[in-house]
Amino acid sequence: MRFGIKTAPQMTTWEAMLEVWRAADGIELFESAWNFDHFEPILGKPRNGPCLEGWTSLAALAAATSRIRVGCMVTGVPYRHPAVLANMAATVDHVSGGRLELGLGAGWNHDEADAYGIELPPLRERFDRFDAACEAIVGLLTQPVFSFSGPGVTLTEAYCEPKPIQQPHPPITIGGDGEKRTLRAVARFAQRWNTPFTSPEVLTHKREVLARHCADVGRDPAEITITAQLIHDPQAGGRATAEAAAALGEAGCEVAIVYLPETHHHAAEVERLAEALRDV
């Protein structure tokens, strides 16, 4: 089993985030580090609390590390035009030396979308636009010049240069576990699938649903790496986190992304966590 860490850039500081990512970068156990893409705190935190922007902080963290793969778990596609996002991804892939994991999601947070005047359509339209955005992003990252017309995006002889270092494009991680549209999008576009805060039983079921979608589109499910997020509780200790990761591993999770609470954004907690996970 492999591991990543996730540090939400909320209720924390740049210095604390940097300390955690540099610590993880120096620990071979961790293959990847992730932040999130929100403009205000979530998970019960006050909406007016501090929240660093996801992609600008990701670029800075990519430049400050050298080994670990980096990504946003996951980008809210409605927040940026797909062509802008493709250019951002290509740029961060160069900044990181080819270490970007491109996390994508259809978006869900109505509070911040309404506050910022960002359109978050009803679910069917939102996923129609998400599918079109994925097609547009892949096309821009892989084709010399790309034209496309789909829900919410029109490209006419559009360029995205330079192309990313990783070919044909940085691996796409799609986050979420909706059985009708999200998992179908995973089957169509993703190299990785991430499910947030799930149980082994639910993960087993969702993998079966994903396999059916893969069969429908002619894809081998083994091509898609299964990842899952779990929350590290420092009070319960690293052993509890390790046991939870092991249970997810038995259900088919290949990479456990461990969410580190912002109250413990420091190198010592990363080192303690790594020590507990080494035997999983």
C-alpha atoms as a PDB file:
ATOM      1  CA  MET A   1       0.000   0.000   0.000  1.00  0.00           C
ATOM      2  CA  ARG A   2       1.146   3.542  -0.745  1.00  0.00           C
ATOM      3  CA  PHE A   3       0.446   6.775   1.115  1.00  0.00           C
ATOM      4  CA  GLY A   4      -0.075  10.464   0.573  1.00  0.00           C
ATOM      5  CA  ILE A   5      -0.844  13.334   2.909  1.00  0.00           C
ATOM      6  CA  LYS A   6      -3.438  16.060   2.584  1.00  0.00           C
ATOM      7  CA  THR A   7      -3.267  19.442   4.282  1.00  0.00           C
ATOM      8  CA  ALA A   8      -6.280  21.660   3.793  1.00  0.00           C
ATOM      9  CA  PRO A   9      -5.036  25.250   3.429  1.00  0.00           C
ATOM     10  CA  GLN A  10      -7.653  26.470   5.922  1.00  0.00           C
ATOM     11  CA  MET A  11      -7.268  27.715   9.495  1.00  0.00           C
ATOM     12  CA  THR A  12      -3.509  27.432   9.082  1.00  0.00           C
ATOM     13  CA  THR A  13      -0.545  29.441   7.839  1.00  0.00           C
ATOM     14  CA  TRP A  14       1.701  29.284   4.803  1.00  0.00           C
ATOM     15  CA  GLU A  15       4.677  28.542   7.035  1.00  0.00           C
ATOM     16  CA  ALA A  16       2.927  25.556   8.647  1.00  0.00           C
ATOM     17  CA  MET A  17       1.878  24.129   5.267  1.00  0.00           C
ATOM     18  CA  LEU A  18       5.410  24.516   3.958  1.00  0.00           C
ATOM     19  CA  GLU A  19       6.865  22.737   6.997  1.00  0.00           C
ATOM     20  CA  VAL A  20       4.531  19.757   6.537  1.00  0.00           C
ATOM     21  CA  TRP A  21       5.134  19.384   2.797  1.00  0.00           C
ATOM     22  CA  ARG A  22       8.909  19.658   3.153  1.00  0.00           C
ATOM     23  CA  ALA A  23       8.814  17.021   5.894  1.00  0.00           C
ATOM     24  CA  ALA A  24       6.741  14.665   3.729  1.00  0.00           C
ATOM     25  CA  ASP A  25       9.047  15.341   0.779  1.00  0.00           C
ATOM     26  CA  GLY A  26      11.894  13.917   2.820  1.00  0.00           C
ATOM     27  CA  ILE A  27      10.035  10.734   3.859  1.00  0.00           C
ATOM     28  CA  GLU A  28      10.065   8.072   1.132  1.00  0.00           C
ATOM     29  CA  LEU A  29       6.890   6.466   2.492  1.00  0.00           C
ATOM     30  CA  PHE A  30       4.770   9.347   1.208  1.00  0.00           C
ATOM     31  CA  GLU A  31       4.288   9.345  -2.559  1.00  0.00           C
ATOM     32  CA  SER A  32       2.118  12.465  -2.821  1.00  0.00           C
ATOM     33  CA  ALA A  33       0.909  15.580  -1.027  1.00  0.00           C
ATOM     34  CA  TRP A  34      -2.412  17.325  -1.626  1.00  0.00           C
ATOM     35  CA  ASN A  35      -4.261  20.491  -0.693  1.00  0.00           C
ATOM     36  CA  PHE A  36      -7.847  21.467  -1.562  1.00  0.00           C
ATOM     37  CA  ASP A  37      -9.631  23.976  -3.786  1.00  0.00           C
ATOM     38  CA  HIS A  38     -11.948  26.160  -1.714  1.00  0.00           C
ATOM     39  CA  PHE A  39     -12.124  29.895  -1.158  1.00  0.00           C
ATOM     40  CA  GLU A  40     -13.363  29.677   2.421  1.00  0.00           C
ATOM     41  CA  PRO A  41     -13.047  27.061   5.173  1.00  0.00           C
ATOM     42  CA  ILE A  42     -15.233  23.948   5.145  1.00  0.00           C
ATOM     43  CA  LEU A  43     -15.782  20.941   7.457  1.00  0.00           C
ATOM     44  CA  GLY A  44     -17.563  22.985  10.108  1.00  0.00           C
ATOM     45  CA  LYS A  45     -14.966  25.755  10.306  1.00  0.00           C
ATOM     46  CA  PRO A  46     -16.055  29.434  10.311  1.00  0.00           C
ATOM     47  CA  ARG A  47     -16.580  30.714   6.782  1.00  0.00           C
ATOM     48  CA  ASN A  48     -14.639  33.898   7.565  1.00  0.00           C
ATOM     49  CA  GLY A  49     -11.539  31.997   8.700  1.00  0.00           C
ATOM     50  CA  PRO A  50      -8.249  32.031   6.769  1.00  0.00           C
ATOM     51  CA  CYS A  51      -8.126  29.917   3.610  1.00  0.00           C
ATOM     52  CA  LEU A  52      -5.195  30.002   1.191  1.00  0.00           C
ATOM     53  CA  GLU A  53      -6.073  29.665  -2.505  1.00  0.00           C
ATOM     54  CA  GLY A  54      -5.445  26.142  -3.728  1.00  0.00           C
ATOM     55  CA  TRP A  55      -3.608  26.446  -7.039  1.00  0.00           C
ATOM     56  CA  THR A  56      -1.321  29.364  -6.185  1.00  0.00           C
ATOM     57  CA  SER A  57      -0.292  27.638  -2.956  1.00  0.00           C
ATOM     58  CA  LEU A  58       0.135  24.366  -4.890  1.00  0.00           C
ATOM     59  CA  ALA A  59       2.539  26.027  -7.330  1.00  0.00           C
ATOM     60  CA  ALA A  60       4.570  27.453  -4.454  1.00  0.00           C
ATOM     61  CA  LEU A  61       4.655  24.108  -2.641  1.00  0.00           C
ATOM     62  CA  ALA A  62       5.701  22.386  -5.867  1.00  0.00           C
ATOM     63  CA  ALA A  63       8.638  24.778  -6.161  1.00  0.00           C
ATOM     64  CA  ALA A  64       9.577  24.188  -2.512  1.00  0.00           C
ATOM     65  CA  THR A  65       9.712  20.375  -2.820  1.00  0.00           C
ATOM     66  CA  SER A  66      11.721  18.049  -5.060  1.00  0.00           C
ATOM     67  CA  ARG A  67      10.444  14.467  -4.890  1.00  0.00           C
ATOM     68  CA  ILE A  68       6.865  14.133  -3.727  1.00  0.00           C
ATOM     69  CA  ARG A  69       4.034  14.271  -6.254  1.00  0.00           C
ATOM     70  CA  VAL A  70       1.707  17.250  -5.780  1.00  0.00           C
ATOM     71  CA  GLY A  71      -1.962  17.832  -6.404  1.00  0.00           C
ATOM     72  CA  CYS A  72      -5.200  19.547  -5.483  1.00  0.00           C
ATOM     73  CA  MET A  73      -7.789  17.150  -4.038  1.00  0.00           C
ATOM     74  CA  VAL A  74      -9.756  18.157  -6.019  1.00  0.00           C
ATOM     75  CA  THR A  75     -10.123  21.192  -8.264  1.00  0.00           C
ATOM     76  CA  GLY A  76     -13.648  22.600  -8.467  1.00  0.00           C
ATOM     77  CA  VAL A  77     -13.978  22.713 -12.255  1.00  0.00           C
ATOM     78  CA  PRO A  78     -16.809  25.327 -12.212  1.00  0.00           C
ATOM     79  CA  TYR A  79     -14.425  27.823 -10.573  1.00  0.00           C
ATOM     80  CA  ARG A  80     -12.229  28.311 -13.656  1.00  0.00           C
ATOM     81  CA  HIS A  81     -12.629  28.107 -17.407  1.00  0.00           C
ATOM     82  CA  PRO A  82     -11.309  24.695 -18.548  1.00  0.00           C
ATOM     83  CA  ALA A  83      -8.773  26.331 -20.897  1.00  0.00           C
ATOM     84  CA  VAL A  84      -7.410  28.439 -18.043  1.00  0.00           C
ATOM     85  CA  LEU A  85      -7.205  25.337 -15.843  1.00  0.00           C
ATOM     86  CA  ALA A  86      -5.361  23.400 -18.563  1.00  0.00           C
ATOM     87  CA  ASN A  87      -2.758  26.155 -18.793  1.00  0.00           C
ATOM     88  CA  MET A  88      -2.431  26.230 -15.002  1.00  0.00           C
ATOM     89  CA  ALA A  89      -1.896  22.459 -14.935  1.00  0.00           C
ATOM     90  CA  ALA A  90       0.741  22.558 -17.642  1.00  0.00           C
ATOM     91  CA  THR A  91       2.543  25.353 -15.812  1.00  0.00           C
ATOM     92  CA  VAL A  92       2.545  23.594 -12.431  1.00  0.00           C
ATOM     93  CA  ASP A  93       3.765  20.415 -14.109  1.00  0.00           C
ATOM     94  CA  HIS A  94       6.784  22.391 -15.305  1.00  0.00           C
ATOM     95  CA  VAL A  95       7.256  24.123 -11.940  1.00  0.00           C
ATOM     96  CA  SER A  96       7.257  20.715 -10.225  1.00  0.00           C
ATOM     97  CA  GLY A  97       9.519  19.028 -12.751  1.00  0.00           C
ATOM     98  CA  GLY A  98       6.753  16.661 -13.874  1.00  0.00           C
ATOM     99  CA  ARG A  99       5.221  15.802 -10.483  1.00  0.00           C
ATOM    100  CA  LEU A 100       1.659  17.117 -10.896  1.00  0.00           C
ATOM    101  CA  GLU A 101      -1.390  14.989 -10.160  1.00  0.00           C
ATOM    102  CA  LEU A 102      -4.342  16.745 -11.807  1.00  0.00           C
ATOM    103  CA  GLY A 103      -7.295  16.473  -9.424  1.00  0.00           C
ATOM    104  CA  LEU A 104     -10.705  17.328 -10.906  1.00  0.00           C
ATOM    105  CA  GLY A 105     -14.229  17.436  -9.499  1.00  0.00           C
ATOM    106  CA  ALA A 106     -17.636  18.760 -10.521  1.00  0.00           C
ATOM    107  CA  GLY A 107     -17.945  21.098  -7.503  1.00  0.00           C
ATOM    108  CA  TRP A 108     -20.471  21.110  -4.675  1.00  0.00           C
ATOM    109  CA  ASN A 109     -20.064  24.091  -2.324  1.00  0.00           C
ATOM    110  CA  HIS A 110     -23.043  26.371  -2.907  1.00  0.00           C
ATOM    111  CA  ASP A 111     -22.101  28.734  -0.052  1.00  0.00           C
ATOM    112  CA  GLU A 112     -18.829  29.867  -1.589  1.00  0.00           C
ATOM    113  CA  ALA A 113     -20.167  29.725  -5.145  1.00  0.00           C
ATOM    114  CA  ASP A 114     -23.102  31.975  -4.218  1.00  0.00           C
ATOM    115  CA  ALA A 115     -20.845  34.326  -2.244  1.00  0.00           C
ATOM    116  CA  TYR A 116     -18.498  34.737  -5.221  1.00  0.00           C
ATOM    117  CA  GLY A 117     -21.204  34.861  -7.886  1.00  0.00           C
ATOM    118  CA  ILE A 118     -19.954  31.619  -9.456  1.00  0.00           C
ATOM    119  CA  GLU A 119     -22.579  29.593 -11.286  1.00  0.00           C
ATOM    120  CA  LEU A 120     -23.044  26.109  -9.850  1.00  0.00           C
ATOM    121  CA  PRO A 121     -25.766  24.565 -12.045  1.00  0.00           C
ATOM    122  CA  PRO A 122     -28.127  21.742 -11.074  1.00  0.00           C
ATOM    123  CA  LEU A 123     -26.486  18.325 -10.927  1.00  0.00           C
ATOM    124  CA  ARG A 124     -27.301  17.068 -14.421  1.00  0.00           C
ATOM    125  CA  GLU A 125     -26.078  20.229 -16.109  1.00  0.00           C
ATOM    126  CA  ARG A 126     -23.090  20.425 -13.766  1.00  0.00           C
ATOM    127  CA  PHE A 127     -21.944  16.938 -14.757  1.00  0.00           C
ATOM    128  CA  ASP A 128     -22.609  17.597 -18.439  1.00  0.00           C
ATOM    129  CA  ARG A 129     -20.275  20.573 -18.094  1.00  0.00           C
ATOM    130  CA  PHE A 130     -17.784  18.533 -16.093  1.00  0.00           C
ATOM    131  CA  ASP A 131     -17.552  15.880 -18.795  1.00  0.00           C
ATOM    132  CA  ALA A 132     -17.081  18.574 -21.431  1.00  0.00           C
ATOM    133  CA  ALA A 133     -14.414  20.273 -19.303  1.00  0.00           C
ATOM    134  CA  CYS A 134     -12.489  17.002 -18.961  1.00  0.00           C
ATOM    135  CA  GLU A 135     -12.557  16.536 -22.744  1.00  0.00           C
ATOM    136  CA  ALA A 136     -11.398  20.112 -23.271  1.00  0.00           C
ATOM    137  CA  ILE A 137      -8.572  19.876 -20.726  1.00  0.00           C
ATOM    138  CA  VAL A 138      -7.259  16.598 -22.156  1.00  0.00           C
ATOM    139  CA  GLY A 139      -7.459  17.987 -25.680  1.00  0.00           C
ATOM    140  CA  LEU A 140      -5.571  21.152 -24.809  1.00  0.00           C
ATOM    141  CA  LEU A 141      -2.864  19.252 -22.924  1.00  0.00           C
ATOM    142  CA  THR A 142      -2.299  16.715 -25.690  1.00  0.00           C
ATOM    143  CA  GLN A 143      -3.087  18.313 -29.068  1.00  0.00           C
ATOM    144  CA  PRO A 144      -0.982  20.921 -30.916  1.00  0.00           C
ATOM    145  CA  VAL A 145      -4.121  22.960 -31.593  1.00  0.00           C
ATOM    146  CA  PHE A 146      -7.571  22.084 -30.342  1.00  0.00           C
ATOM    147  CA  SER A 147     -11.142  23.033 -31.210  1.00  0.00           C
ATOM    148  CA  PHE A 148     -14.098  21.830 -29.175  1.00  0.00           C
ATOM    149  CA  SER A 149     -17.726  22.657 -28.471  1.00  0.00           C
ATOM    150  CA  GLY A 150     -19.588  21.243 -25.505  1.00  0.00           C
ATOM    151  CA  PRO A 151     -21.750  22.323 -22.551  1.00  0.00           C
ATOM    152  CA  GLY A 152     -20.153  25.380 -20.998  1.00  0.00           C
ATOM    153  CA  VAL A 153     -16.997  25.447 -23.138  1.00  0.00           C
ATOM    154  CA  THR A 154     -16.152  26.402 -26.715  1.00  0.00           C
ATOM    155  CA  LEU A 155     -12.582  26.354 -28.042  1.00  0.00           C
ATOM    156  CA  THR A 156     -11.605  27.533 -31.484  1.00  0.00           C
ATOM    157  CA  GLU A 157      -8.081  26.692 -32.677  1.00  0.00           C
ATOM    158  CA  ALA A 158      -6.879  26.994 -29.087  1.00  0.00           C
ATOM    159  CA  TYR A 159      -3.286  26.478 -27.937  1.00  0.00           C
ATOM    160  CA  CYS A 160      -1.814  25.380 -24.618  1.00  0.00           C
ATOM    161  CA  GLU A 161       1.961  25.729 -24.716  1.00  0.00           C
ATOM    162  CA  PRO A 162       4.270  24.518 -23.432  1.00  0.00           C
ATOM    163  CA  LYS A 163       2.790  21.073 -23.124  1.00  0.00           C
ATOM    164  CA  PRO A 164       3.219  19.421 -19.698  1.00  0.00           C
ATOM    165  CA  ILE A 165       6.368  17.462 -18.992  1.00  0.00           C
ATOM    166  CA  GLN A 166       4.336  14.324 -18.295  1.00  0.00           C
ATOM    167  CA  GLN A 167       3.013  12.705 -21.441  1.00  0.00           C
ATOM    168  CA  PRO A 168       0.404  12.398 -22.692  1.00  0.00           C
ATOM    169  CA  HIS A 169      -0.709  14.571 -19.733  1.00  0.00           C
ATOM    170  CA  PRO A 170      -0.432  14.617 -15.925  1.00  0.00           C
ATOM    171  CA  PRO A 171      -2.448  11.779 -14.384  1.00  0.00           C
ATOM    172  CA  ILE A 172      -6.054  12.816 -13.786  1.00  0.00           C
ATOM    173  CA  THR A 173      -7.612  12.072 -10.401  1.00  0.00           C
ATOM    174  CA  ILE A 174     -11.395  12.461 -10.261  1.00  0.00           C
ATOM    175  CA  GLY A 175     -12.805  12.832  -6.764  1.00  0.00           C
ATOM    176  CA  GLY A 176     -16.221  11.755  -5.540  1.00  0.00           C
ATOM    177  CA  ASP A 177     -18.298   8.597  -5.438  1.00  0.00           C
ATOM    178  CA  GLY A 178     -21.586   9.369  -7.205  1.00  0.00           C
ATOM    179  CA  GLU A 179     -22.564   6.150  -8.918  1.00  0.00           C
ATOM    180  CA  LYS A 180     -24.321   7.510 -12.015  1.00  0.00           C
ATOM    181  CA  ARG A 181     -22.111  10.352 -13.240  1.00  0.00           C
ATOM    182  CA  THR A 182     -18.924  10.661 -11.160  1.00  0.00           C
ATOM    183  CA  LEU A 183     -17.845   7.041 -11.491  1.00  0.00           C
ATOM    184  CA  ARG A 184     -18.736   7.042 -15.173  1.00  0.00           C
ATOM    185  CA  ALA A 185     -16.488  10.084 -15.627  1.00  0.00           C
ATOM    186  CA  VAL A 186     -13.736   8.202 -13.770  1.00  0.00           C
ATOM    187  CA  ALA A 187     -14.083   5.328 -16.220  1.00  0.00           C
ATOM    188  CA  ARG A 188     -13.883   7.706 -19.178  1.00  0.00           C
ATOM    189  CA  PHE A 189     -11.156  10.137 -18.158  1.00  0.00           C
ATOM    190  CA  ALA A 190      -9.239   9.270 -14.986  1.00  0.00           C
ATOM    191  CA  GLN A 191      -6.021   7.481 -14.173  1.00  0.00           C
ATOM    192  CA  ARG A 192      -6.885   7.701 -10.470  1.00  0.00           C
ATOM    193  CA  TRP A 193     -10.124   7.753  -8.524  1.00  0.00           C
ATOM    194  CA  ASN A 194     -10.389   9.234  -5.046  1.00  0.00           C
ATOM    195  CA  THR A 195     -13.231   8.570  -2.651  1.00  0.00           C
ATOM    196  CA  PRO A 196     -13.454  10.754   0.461  1.00  0.00           C
ATOM    197  CA  PHE A 197     -13.806   9.395   3.987  1.00  0.00           C
ATOM    198  CA  THR A 198     -15.440   6.069   3.163  1.00  0.00           C
ATOM    199  CA  SER A 199     -15.729   2.655   4.811  1.00  0.00           C
ATOM    200  CA  PRO A 200     -14.272  -0.589   3.466  1.00  0.00           C
ATOM    201  CA  GLU A 201     -17.781  -1.887   2.769  1.00  0.00           C
ATOM    202  CA  VAL A 202     -18.780   1.169   0.762  1.00  0.00           C
ATOM    203  CA  LEU A 203     -15.461   1.167  -1.092  1.00  0.00           C
ATOM    204  CA  THR A 204     -15.995  -2.454  -2.148  1.00  0.00           C
ATOM    205  CA  HIS A 205     -19.438  -1.591  -3.524  1.00  0.00           C
ATOM    206  CA  LYS A 206     -18.236   1.526  -5.343  1.00  0.00           C
ATOM    207  CA  ARG A 207     -15.399  -0.437  -6.971  1.00  0.00           C
ATOM    208  CA  GLU A 208     -18.001  -2.836  -8.364  1.00  0.00           C
ATOM    209  CA  VAL A 209     -19.972   0.108  -9.776  1.00  0.00           C
ATOM    210  CA  LEU A 210     -16.800   1.551 -11.305  1.00  0.00           C
ATOM    211  CA  ALA A 211     -16.003  -1.810 -12.895  1.00  0.00           C
ATOM    212  CA  ARG A 212     -19.415  -1.820 -14.597  1.00  0.00           C
ATOM    213  CA  HIS A 213     -18.839   1.673 -15.981  1.00  0.00           C
ATOM    214  CA  CYS A 214     -15.425   0.585 -17.233  1.00  0.00           C
ATOM    215  CA  ALA A 215     -17.028  -2.351 -19.025  1.00  0.00           C
ATOM    216  CA  ASP A 216     -19.542   0.002 -20.648  1.00  0.00           C
ATOM    217  CA  VAL A 217     -16.784   2.223 -22.086  1.00  0.00           C
ATOM    218  CA  GLY A 218     -14.341  -0.580 -22.903  1.00  0.00           C
ATOM    219  CA  ARG A 219     -11.809   0.243 -20.178  1.00  0.00           C
ATOM    220  CA  ASP A 220      -9.814  -2.110 -17.995  1.00  0.00           C
ATOM    221  CA  PRO A 221     -10.522  -1.099 -14.356  1.00  0.00           C
ATOM    222  CA  ALA A 222      -6.982  -2.156 -13.464  1.00  0.00           C
ATOM    223  CA  GLU A 223      -5.798   0.966 -15.338  1.00  0.00           C
ATOM    224  CA  ILE A 224      -7.370   3.139 -12.615  1.00  0.00           C
ATOM    225  CA  THR A 225      -5.562   3.508  -9.281  1.00  0.00           C
ATOM    226  CA  ILE A 226      -7.962   3.444  -6.325  1.00  0.00           C
ATOM    227  CA  THR A 227      -7.258   6.079  -3.683  1.00  0.00           C
ATOM    228  CA  ALA A 228      -9.189   6.995  -0.563  1.00  0.00           C
ATOM    229  CA  GLN A 229      -9.000   9.776   1.996  1.00  0.00           C
ATOM    230  CA  LEU A 230      -9.012   9.142   5.714  1.00  0.00           C
ATOM    231  CA  ILE A 231      -8.673  11.535   8.643  1.00  0.00           C
ATOM    232  CA  HIS A 232      -5.722  11.229  11.008  1.00  0.00           C
ATOM    233  CA  ASP A 233      -6.765  11.834  14.611  1.00  0.00           C
ATOM    234  CA  PRO A 234      -3.624  12.742  16.577  1.00  0.00           C
ATOM    235  CA  GLN A 235      -5.404  12.051  19.866  1.00  0.00           C
ATOM    236  CA  ALA A 236      -6.255   8.495  18.797  1.00  0.00           C
ATOM    237  CA  GLY A 237      -2.686   8.103  17.561  1.00  0.00           C
ATOM    238  CA  GLY A 238      -0.965   6.819  14.467  1.00  0.00           C
ATOM    239  CA  ARG A 239      -1.822   3.193  15.134  1.00  0.00           C
ATOM    240  CA  ALA A 240      -5.553   3.914  14.717  1.00  0.00           C
ATOM    241  CA  THR A 241      -4.846   5.646  11.432  1.00  0.00           C
ATOM    242  CA  ALA A 242      -2.695   2.722  10.300  1.00  0.00           C
ATOM    243  CA  GLU A 243      -5.439   0.240  11.155  1.00  0.00           C
ATOM    244  CA  ALA A 244      -8.014   2.270   9.231  1.00  0.00           C
ATOM    245  CA  ALA A 245      -5.683   2.424   6.231  1.00  0.00           C
ATOM    246  CA  ALA A 246      -5.082  -1.321   6.368  1.00  0.00           C
ATOM    247  CA  ALA A 247      -8.831  -1.993   6.358  1.00  0.00           C
ATOM    248  CA  LEU A 248      -9.259   0.201   3.284  1.00  0.00           C
ATOM    249  CA  GLY A 249      -6.338  -1.612   1.669  1.00  0.00           C
ATOM    250  CA  GLU A 250      -8.106  -4.943   2.125  1.00  0.00           C
ATOM    251  CA  ALA A 251     -11.115  -3.431   0.326  1.00  0.00           C
ATOM    252  CA  GLY A 252      -8.993  -2.451  -2.674  1.00  0.00           C
ATOM    253  CA  CYS A 253      -7.546   0.960  -1.805  1.00  0.00           C
ATOM    254  CA  GLU A 254      -4.075   1.266  -3.327  1.00  0.00           C
ATOM    255  CA  VAL A 255      -3.145   4.728  -2.034  1.00  0.00           C
ATOM    256  CA  ALA A 256      -4.405   6.091   1.281  1.00  0.00           C
ATOM    257  CA  ILE A 257      -4.448   9.896   1.411  1.00  0.00           C
ATOM    258  CA  VAL A 258      -4.159  10.829   5.080  1.00  0.00           C
ATOM    259  CA  TYR A 259      -5.806  14.128   6.007  1.00  0.00           C
ATOM    260  CA  LEU A 260      -3.700  15.906   8.612  1.00  0.00           C
ATOM    261  CA  PRO A 261      -5.749  18.276  10.833  1.00  0.00           C
ATOM    262  CA  GLU A 262      -4.640  21.879  10.615  1.00  0.00           C
ATOM    263  CA  THR A 263      -4.015  21.890  14.385  1.00  0.00           C
ATOM    264  CA  HIS A 264      -1.139  19.485  13.696  1.00  0.00           C
ATOM    265  CA  HIS A 265       0.513  21.067  10.661  1.00  0.00           C
ATOM    266  CA  HIS A 266       4.085  20.489  11.792  1.00  0.00           C
ATOM    267  CA  ALA A 267       6.925  18.188  10.831  1.00  0.00           C
ATOM    268  CA  ALA A 268       6.888  16.189  14.075  1.00  0.00           C
ATOM    269  CA  GLU A 269       3.353  14.940  13.421  1.00  0.00           C
ATOM    270  CA  VAL A 270       4.291  13.919   9.870  1.00  0.00           C
ATOM    271  CA  GLU A 271       7.214  11.910  11.237  1.00  0.00           C
ATOM    272  CA  ARG A 272       5.060  10.214  13.885  1.00  0.00           C
ATOM    273  CA  LEU A 273       2.451   9.373  11.267  1.00  0.00           C
ATOM    274  CA  ALA A 274       5.043   7.894   8.925  1.00  0.00           C
ATOM    275  CA  GLU A 275       6.418   5.686  11.705  1.00  0.00           C
ATOM    276  CA  ALA A 276       2.937   4.283  12.388  1.00  0.00           C
ATOM    277  CA  LEU A 277       2.189   3.637   8.716  1.00  0.00           C
ATOM    278  CA  ARG A 278       5.403   1.811   7.844  1.00  0.00           C
ATOM    279  CA  ASP A 279       4.083  -1.601   8.826  1.00  0.00           C
ATOM    280  CA  VAL A 280       0.808  -1.354   6.850  1.00  0.00           C
END
